[in-house]
PDB file of N, CA and C in Angstrom:
ATOM      1  N   UNK A   1       0.824  -1.184   0.000  1.00  0.00           N
ATOM      2  CA  UNK A   1       0.000   0.000   0.000  1.00  0.00           C
ATOM      3  C   UNK A   1       0.875   1.257   0.000  1.00  0.00           C
ATOM      4  N   UNK A   2       1.982   1.192   0.705  1.00  0.00           N
ATOM      5  CA  UNK A   2       2.867   2.364   0.732  1.00  0.00           C
ATOM      6  C   UNK A   2       3.445   2.655  -0.645  1.00  0.00           C
ATOM      7  N   UNK A   3       3.798   1.608  -1.371  1.00  0.00           N
ATOM      8  CA  UNK A   3       4.351   1.804  -2.715  1.00  0.00           C
ATOM      9  C   UNK A   3       3.300   2.400  -3.643  1.00  0.00           C
ATOM     10  N   UNK A   4       2.060   1.981  -3.490  1.00  0.00           N
ATOM     11  CA  UNK A   4       0.969   2.526  -4.303  1.00  0.00           C
ATOM     12  C   UNK A   4       0.774   3.999  -3.970  1.00  0.00           C
ATOM     13  N   UNK A   5       0.735   4.326  -2.677  1.00  0.00           N
ATOM     14  CA  UNK A   5       0.567   5.716  -2.253  1.00  0.00           C
ATOM     15  C   UNK A   5       1.740   6.575  -2.715  1.00  0.00           C
ATOM     16  N   UNK A   6       2.954   6.054  -2.591  1.00  0.00           N
ATOM     17  CA  UNK A   6       4.139   6.809  -3.014  1.00  0.00           C
ATOM     18  C   UNK A   6       4.105   7.078  -4.514  1.00  0.00           C
ATOM     19  N   UNK A   7       3.645   6.110  -5.282  1.00  0.00           N
ATOM     20  CA  UNK A   7       3.535   6.286  -6.732  1.00  0.00           C
ATOM     21  C   UNK A   7       2.523   7.374  -7.060  1.00  0.00           C
ATOM     22  N   UNK A   8       1.392   7.367  -6.376  1.00  0.00           N
ATOM     23  CA  UNK A   8       0.361   8.385  -6.601  1.00  0.00           C
ATOM     24  C   UNK A   8       0.883   9.776  -6.251  1.00  0.00           C
ATOM     25  N   UNK A   9       1.612   9.884  -5.167  1.00  0.00           N
ATOM     26  CA  UNK A   9       2.179  11.176  -4.768  1.00  0.00           C
ATOM     27  C   UNK A   9       3.198  11.644  -5.798  1.00  0.00           C
ATOM     28  N   UNK A  10       4.074  10.743  -6.230  1.00  0.00           N
ATOM     29  CA  UNK A  10       5.112  11.081  -7.207  1.00  0.00           C
ATOM     30  C   UNK A  10       4.501  11.529  -8.536  1.00  0.00           C
ATOM     31  N   UNK A  11       3.391  10.891  -8.925  1.00  0.00           N
ATOM     32  CA  UNK A  11       2.733  11.240 -10.183  1.00  0.00           C
ATOM     33  C   UNK A  11       1.833  12.461 -10.038  1.00  0.00           C
ATOM     34  N   UNK A  12       1.606  12.879  -8.797  1.00  0.00           N
ATOM     35  CA  UNK A  12       0.750  14.033  -8.561  1.00  0.00           C
ATOM     36  C   UNK A  12      -0.725  13.746  -8.764  1.00  0.00           C
ATOM     37  N   UNK A  13      -1.106  12.469  -8.690  1.00  0.00           N
ATOM     38  CA  UNK A  13      -2.501  12.100  -8.930  1.00  0.00           C
ATOM     39  C   UNK A  13      -3.312  12.011  -7.650  1.00  0.00           C
ATOM     40  N   UNK A  14      -2.650  11.936  -6.510  1.00  0.00           N
ATOM     41  CA  UNK A  14      -3.359  11.878  -5.233  1.00  0.00           C
ATOM     42  C   UNK A  14      -4.240  10.653  -5.121  1.00  0.00           C
ATOM     43  N   UNK A  15      -5.312  10.802  -4.357  1.00  0.00           N
ATOM     44  CA  UNK A  15      -6.205   9.676  -4.073  1.00  0.00           C
ATOM     45  C   UNK A  15      -6.872   9.134  -5.333  1.00  0.00           C
ATOM     46  N   UNK A  16      -7.164   9.998  -6.277  1.00  0.00           N
ATOM     47  CA  UNK A  16      -7.828   9.538  -7.509  1.00  0.00           C
ATOM     48  C   UNK A  16      -6.938   8.616  -8.336  1.00  0.00           C
ATOM     49  N   UNK A  17      -5.651   8.771  -8.192  1.00  0.00           N
ATOM     50  CA  UNK A  17      -4.728   7.939  -8.948  1.00  0.00           C
ATOM     51  C   UNK A  17      -4.502   6.565  -8.357  1.00  0.00           C
ATOM     52  N   UNK A  18      -4.918   6.363  -7.102  1.00  0.00           N
ATOM     53  CA  UNK A  18      -4.705   5.067  -6.452  1.00  0.00           C
ATOM     54  C   UNK A  18      -5.353   3.934  -7.239  1.00  0.00           C
ATOM     55  N   UNK A  19      -6.587   4.141  -7.655  1.00  0.00           N
ATOM     56  CA  UNK A  19      -7.305   3.099  -8.401  1.00  0.00           C
ATOM     57  C   UNK A  19      -6.588   2.767  -9.708  1.00  0.00           C
ATOM     58  N   UNK A  20      -6.151   3.777 -10.414  1.00  0.00           N
ATOM     59  CA  UNK A  20      -5.462   3.547 -11.689  1.00  0.00           C
ATOM     60  C   UNK A  20      -4.170   2.760 -11.484  1.00  0.00           C
ATOM     61  N   UNK A  21      -3.450   3.064 -10.416  1.00  0.00           N
ATOM     62  CA  UNK A  21      -2.202   2.358 -10.126  1.00  0.00           C
ATOM     63  C   UNK A  21      -2.486   0.898  -9.804  1.00  0.00           C
ATOM     64  N   UNK A  22      -3.513   0.655  -9.000  1.00  0.00           N
ATOM     65  CA  UNK A  22      -3.886  -0.722  -8.652  1.00  0.00           C
ATOM     66  C   UNK A  22      -4.328  -1.483  -9.897  1.00  0.00           C
ATOM     67  N   UNK A  23      -5.156  -0.855 -10.732  1.00  0.00           N
ATOM     68  CA  UNK A  23      -5.619  -1.520 -11.955  1.00  0.00           C
ATOM     69  C   UNK A  23      -4.462  -1.836 -12.891  1.00  0.00           C
ATOM     70  N   UNK A  24      -3.523  -0.913 -13.023  1.00  0.00           N
ATOM     71  CA  UNK A  24      -2.363  -1.151 -13.898  1.00  0.00           C
ATOM     72  C   UNK A  24      -1.513  -2.304 -13.349  1.00  0.00           C
ATOM     73  N   UNK A  25      -1.350  -2.344 -12.035  1.00  0.00           N
ATOM     74  CA  UNK A  25      -0.556  -3.399 -11.403  1.00  0.00           C
ATOM     75  C   UNK A  25      -1.190  -4.769 -11.607  1.00  0.00           C
ATOM     76  N   UNK A  26      -2.517  -4.834 -11.552  1.00  0.00           N
ATOM     77  CA  UNK A  26      -3.225  -6.117 -11.620  1.00  0.00           C
ATOM     78  C   UNK A  26      -3.830  -6.419 -12.993  1.00  0.00           C
ATOM     79  N   UNK A  27      -3.533  -5.609 -13.991  1.00  0.00           N
ATOM     80  CA  UNK A  27      -4.157  -5.754 -15.303  1.00  0.00           C
ATOM     81  C   UNK A  27      -4.032  -7.168 -15.876  1.00  0.00           C
ATOM     82  N   UNK A  28      -2.842  -7.676 -15.981  1.00  0.00           N
ATOM     83  CA  UNK A  28      -2.645  -9.015 -16.545  1.00  0.00           C
ATOM     84  C   UNK A  28      -3.251 -10.082 -15.643  1.00  0.00           C
ATOM     85  N   UNK A  29      -3.104  -9.893 -14.343  1.00  0.00           N
ATOM     86  CA  UNK A  29      -3.611 -10.855 -13.365  1.00  0.00           C
ATOM     87  C   UNK A  29      -5.122 -11.002 -13.475  1.00  0.00           C
ATOM     88  N   UNK A  30      -5.830  -9.896 -13.651  1.00  0.00           N
ATOM     89  CA  UNK A  30      -7.294  -9.939 -13.737  1.00  0.00           C
ATOM     90  C   UNK A  30      -7.768 -10.787 -14.913  1.00  0.00           C
ATOM     91  N   UNK A  31      -7.000 -10.822 -15.988  1.00  0.00           N
ATOM     92  CA  UNK A  31      -7.385 -11.620 -17.147  1.00  0.00           C
ATOM     93  C   UNK A  31      -6.990 -13.084 -16.988  1.00  0.00           C
ATOM     94  N   UNK A  32      -5.933 -13.360 -16.237  1.00  0.00           N
ATOM     95  CA  UNK A  32      -5.446 -14.727 -16.077  1.00  0.00           C
ATOM     96  C   UNK A  32      -6.204 -15.511 -15.014  1.00  0.00           C
ATOM     97  N   UNK A  33      -6.625 -14.858 -13.951  1.00  0.00           N
ATOM     98  CA  UNK A  33      -7.217 -15.565 -12.814  1.00  0.00           C
ATOM     99  C   UNK A  33      -8.476 -16.369 -13.111  1.00  0.00           C
ATOM    100  N   UNK A  34      -9.378 -15.921 -13.965  1.00  0.00           N
ATOM    101  CA  UNK A  34     -10.580 -16.727 -14.204  1.00  0.00           C
ATOM    102  C   UNK A  34     -10.289 -18.148 -14.687  1.00  0.00           C
ATOM    103  N   UNK A  35      -9.159 -18.362 -15.326  1.00  0.00           N
ATOM    104  CA  UNK A  35      -8.813 -19.702 -15.805  1.00  0.00           C
ATOM    105  C   UNK A  35      -7.936 -20.464 -14.811  1.00  0.00           C
ATOM    106  N   UNK A  36      -7.791 -19.938 -13.604  1.00  0.00           N
ATOM    107  CA  UNK A  36      -6.959 -20.563 -12.572  1.00  0.00           C
ATOM    108  C   UNK A  36      -7.777 -20.742 -11.290  1.00  0.00           C
ATOM    109  N   UNK A  37      -8.680 -21.711 -11.263  1.00  0.00           N
ATOM    110  CA  UNK A  37      -9.566 -21.867 -10.102  1.00  0.00           C
ATOM    111  C   UNK A  37      -8.855 -22.266  -8.814  1.00  0.00           C
ATOM    112  N   UNK A  38      -7.638 -22.774  -8.910  1.00  0.00           N
ATOM    113  CA  UNK A  38      -6.923 -23.197  -7.708  1.00  0.00           C
ATOM    114  C   UNK A  38      -6.140 -22.069  -7.038  1.00  0.00           C
ATOM    115  N   UNK A  39      -6.157 -20.873  -7.616  1.00  0.00           N
ATOM    116  CA  UNK A  39      -5.481 -19.734  -7.004  1.00  0.00           C
ATOM    117  C   UNK A  39      -6.406 -19.140  -5.949  1.00  0.00           C
ATOM    118  N   UNK A  40      -5.899 -19.055  -4.720  1.00  0.00           N
ATOM    119  CA  UNK A  40      -6.706 -18.559  -3.605  1.00  0.00           C
ATOM    120  C   UNK A  40      -6.320 -17.159  -3.172  1.00  0.00           C
ATOM    121  N   UNK A  41      -5.150 -16.705  -3.594  1.00  0.00           N
ATOM    122  CA  UNK A  41      -4.669 -15.411  -3.134  1.00  0.00           C
ATOM    123  C   UNK A  41      -3.692 -14.841  -4.150  1.00  0.00           C
ATOM    124  N   UNK A  42      -3.711 -13.528  -4.312  1.00  0.00           N
ATOM    125  CA  UNK A  42      -2.736 -12.833  -5.146  1.00  0.00           C
ATOM    126  C   UNK A  42      -2.007 -11.838  -4.251  1.00  0.00           C
ATOM    127  N   UNK A  43      -0.693 -11.883  -4.285  1.00  0.00           N
ATOM    128  CA  UNK A  43       0.125 -11.011  -3.443  1.00  0.00           C
ATOM    129  C   UNK A  43       0.738  -9.917  -4.311  1.00  0.00           C
ATOM    130  N   UNK A  44       0.447  -8.676  -3.942  1.00  0.00           N
ATOM    131  CA  UNK A  44       1.005  -7.520  -4.634  1.00  0.00           C
ATOM    132  C   UNK A  44       2.034  -6.894  -3.708  1.00  0.00           C
ATOM    133  N   UNK A  45       3.283  -6.891  -4.132  1.00  0.00           N
ATOM    134  CA  UNK A  45       4.341  -6.300  -3.318  1.00  0.00           C
ATOM    135  C   UNK A  45       4.889  -5.047  -4.004  1.00  0.00           C
ATOM    136  N   UNK A  46       5.869  -4.437  -3.380  1.00  0.00           N
ATOM    137  CA  UNK A  46       6.449  -3.203  -3.914  1.00  0.00           C
ATOM    138  C   UNK A  46       6.976  -3.393  -5.330  1.00  0.00           C
ATOM    139  N   UNK A  47       7.630  -4.516  -5.584  1.00  0.00           N
ATOM    140  CA  UNK A  47       8.174  -4.781  -6.919  1.00  0.00           C
ATOM    141  C   UNK A  47       7.067  -4.828  -7.965  1.00  0.00           C
ATOM    142  N   UNK A  48       5.913  -5.369  -7.603  1.00  0.00           N
ATOM    143  CA  UNK A  48       4.780  -5.428  -8.527  1.00  0.00           C
ATOM    144  C   UNK A  48       4.302  -4.028  -8.888  1.00  0.00           C
ATOM    145  N   UNK A  49       4.226  -3.169  -7.895  1.00  0.00           N
ATOM    146  CA  UNK A  49       3.725  -1.812  -8.097  1.00  0.00           C
ATOM    147  C   UNK A  49       4.696  -0.977  -8.921  1.00  0.00           C
ATOM    148  N   UNK A  50       5.982  -1.140  -8.677  1.00  0.00           N
ATOM    149  CA  UNK A  50       6.978  -0.329  -9.378  1.00  0.00           C
ATOM    150  C   UNK A  50       7.305  -0.852 -10.769  1.00  0.00           C
ATOM    151  N   UNK A  51       6.833  -2.051 -11.106  1.00  0.00           N
ATOM    152  CA  UNK A  51       7.103  -2.622 -12.417  1.00  0.00           C
ATOM    153  C   UNK A  51       8.342  -3.493 -12.454  1.00  0.00           C
ATOM    154  N   UNK A  52       9.013  -3.629 -11.321  1.00  0.00           N
ATOM    155  CA  UNK A  52      10.207  -4.471 -11.253  1.00  0.00           C
ATOM    156  C   UNK A  52       9.849  -5.944 -11.128  1.00  0.00           C
ATOM    157  N   UNK A  53       8.594  -6.237 -10.835  1.00  0.00           N
ATOM    158  CA  UNK A  53       8.141  -7.612 -10.664  1.00  0.00           C
ATOM    159  C   UNK A  53       6.686  -7.725 -11.055  1.00  0.00           C
ATOM    160  N   UNK A  54       6.124  -8.860 -10.788  1.00  0.00           N
ATOM    161  CA  UNK A  54       4.712  -9.107 -11.081  1.00  0.00           C
ATOM    162  C   UNK A  54       4.042  -9.664  -9.830  1.00  0.00           C
ATOM    163  N   UNK A  55       2.707  -9.568  -9.744  1.00  0.00           N
ATOM    164  CA  UNK A  55       2.018 -10.154  -8.589  1.00  0.00           C
ATOM    165  C   UNK A  55       2.284 -11.652  -8.498  1.00  0.00           C
ATOM    166  N   UNK A  56       2.275 -12.157  -7.285  1.00  0.00           N
ATOM    167  CA  UNK A  56       2.499 -13.587  -7.058  1.00  0.00           C
ATOM    168  C   UNK A  56       1.172 -14.248  -6.719  1.00  0.00           C
ATOM    169  N   UNK A  57       1.017 -15.505  -7.121  1.00  0.00           N
ATOM    170  CA  UNK A  57      -0.222 -16.214  -6.826  1.00  0.00           C
ATOM    171  C   UNK A  57       0.044 -17.336  -5.841  1.00  0.00           C
ATOM    172  N   UNK A  58      -0.935 -17.567  -4.982  1.00  0.00           N
ATOM    173  CA  UNK A  58      -0.865 -18.655  -4.016  1.00  0.00           C
ATOM    174  C   UNK A  58      -1.961 -19.635  -4.394  1.00  0.00           C
ATOM    175  N   UNK A  59      -1.576 -20.860  -4.618  1.00  0.00           N
ATOM    176  CA  UNK A  59      -2.546 -21.891  -4.996  1.00  0.00           C
ATOM    177  C   UNK A  59      -3.172 -22.498  -3.753  1.00  0.00           C
ATOM    178  N   UNK A  60      -4.288 -23.186  -3.913  1.00  0.00           N
ATOM    179  CA  UNK A  60      -4.999 -23.775  -2.780  1.00  0.00           C
ATOM    180  C   UNK A  60      -4.057 -24.625  -1.941  1.00  0.00           C
ATOM    181  N   UNK A  61      -4.238 -24.583  -0.660  1.00  0.00           N
ATOM    182  CA  UNK A  61      -3.345 -25.264   0.255  1.00  0.00           C
ATOM    183  C   UNK A  61      -2.239 -24.357   0.747  1.00  0.00           C
ATOM    184  N   UNK A  62      -2.041 -23.224   0.078  1.00  0.00           N
ATOM    185  CA  UNK A  62      -1.049 -22.259   0.496  1.00  0.00           C
ATOM    186  C   UNK A  62       0.382 -22.723   0.335  1.00  0.00           C
ATOM    187  N   UNK A  63       0.590 -23.846  -0.329  1.00  0.00           N
ATOM    188  CA  UNK A  63       1.932 -24.407  -0.437  1.00  0.00           C
ATOM    189  C   UNK A  63       2.676 -23.854  -1.639  1.00  0.00           C
ATOM    190  N   UNK A  64       2.007 -23.736  -2.742  1.00  0.00           N
ATOM    191  CA  UNK A  64       2.655 -23.386  -4.007  1.00  0.00           C
ATOM    192  C   UNK A  64       2.515 -21.898  -4.292  1.00  0.00           C
ATOM    193  N   UNK A  65       3.587 -21.156  -4.178  1.00  0.00           N
ATOM    194  CA  UNK A  65       3.581 -19.741  -4.533  1.00  0.00           C
ATOM    195  C   UNK A  65       4.368 -19.593  -5.819  1.00  0.00           C
ATOM    196  N   UNK A  66       3.724 -19.033  -6.827  1.00  0.00           N
ATOM    197  CA  UNK A  66       4.377 -18.843  -8.118  1.00  0.00           C
ATOM    198  C   UNK A  66       4.142 -17.427  -8.590  1.00  0.00           C
ATOM    199  N   UNK A  67       5.018 -16.954  -9.451  1.00  0.00           N
ATOM    200  CA  UNK A  67       4.848 -15.642 -10.051  1.00  0.00           C
ATOM    201  C   UNK A  67       3.812 -15.739 -11.158  1.00  0.00           C
ATOM    202  N   UNK A  68       3.024 -14.684 -11.283  1.00  0.00           N
ATOM    203  CA  UNK A  68       2.096 -14.607 -12.403  1.00  0.00           C
ATOM    204  C   UNK A  68       2.936 -14.294 -13.639  1.00  0.00           C
ATOM    205  N   UNK A  69       2.659 -14.945 -14.730  1.00  0.00           N
ATOM    206  CA  UNK A  69       3.361 -14.617 -15.970  1.00  0.00           C
ATOM    207  C   UNK A  69       2.669 -13.424 -16.586  1.00  0.00           C
ATOM    208  N   UNK A  70       3.447 -12.495 -17.006  1.00  0.00           N
ATOM    209  CA  UNK A  70       2.906 -11.273 -17.561  1.00  0.00           C
ATOM    210  C   UNK A  70       2.879 -11.354 -19.075  1.00  0.00           C
ATOM    211  N   UNK A  71       1.827 -10.807 -19.649  1.00  0.00           N
ATOM    212  CA  UNK A  71       1.719 -10.746 -21.101  1.00  0.00           C
ATOM    213  C   UNK A  71       2.859  -9.895 -21.656  1.00  0.00           C
ATOM    214  N   UNK A  72       3.281  -8.893 -20.882  1.00  0.00           N
ATOM    215  CA  UNK A  72       4.356  -8.009 -21.313  1.00  0.00           C
ATOM    216  C   UNK A  72       5.734  -8.620 -21.110  1.00  0.00           C
ATOM    217  N   UNK A  73       5.807  -9.801 -20.505  1.00  0.00           N
ATOM    218  CA  UNK A  73       7.080 -10.482 -20.347  1.00  0.00           C
ATOM    219  C   UNK A  73       7.876 -10.093 -19.122  1.00  0.00           C
ATOM    220  N   UNK A  74       7.282  -9.280 -18.235  1.00  0.00           N
ATOM    221  CA  UNK A  74       8.004  -8.927 -17.006  1.00  0.00           C
ATOM    222  C   UNK A  74       8.019 -10.130 -16.090  1.00  0.00           C
ATOM    223  N   UNK A  75       9.072 -10.266 -15.328  1.00  0.00           N
ATOM    224  CA  UNK A  75       9.170 -11.319 -14.322  1.00  0.00           C
ATOM    225  C   UNK A  75       9.752 -10.703 -13.070  1.00  0.00           C
ATOM    226  N   UNK A  76       9.326 -11.203 -11.939  1.00  0.00           N
ATOM    227  CA  UNK A  76       9.886 -10.704 -10.681  1.00  0.00           C
ATOM    228  C   UNK A  76      11.330 -11.149 -10.558  1.00  0.00           C
ATOM    229  N   UNK A  77      12.124 -10.312  -9.943  1.00  0.00           N
ATOM    230  CA  UNK A  77      13.548 -10.618  -9.783  1.00  0.00           C
ATOM    231  C   UNK A  77      13.777 -11.641  -8.706  1.00  0.00           C
TER     232      UNK A  77
END
C-alpha cells in the first residue's frame, strides 16, 4: 500500500490515482485468474507496483507460490 501511495504522490494524482495504479498493477492478473480456479490469493508487493516484478499467486493449500506470468514479459527478480 505504501508503494501505491508513493507512486500516486510522485505522479501528482493523489487519491484519484490510487485506483489507476492498482488496476495497472493487476491488469494481466485480472485476465489470467478466471482460468486458474486453484489460485486462492494474489500477493502484490512493492516490486509489482513499481514494475520491477509481477504479482504472485498462491494456490490452494497455500503451499505453491508462483509468479504470475505477464503478457508483457516482465518477471519478478
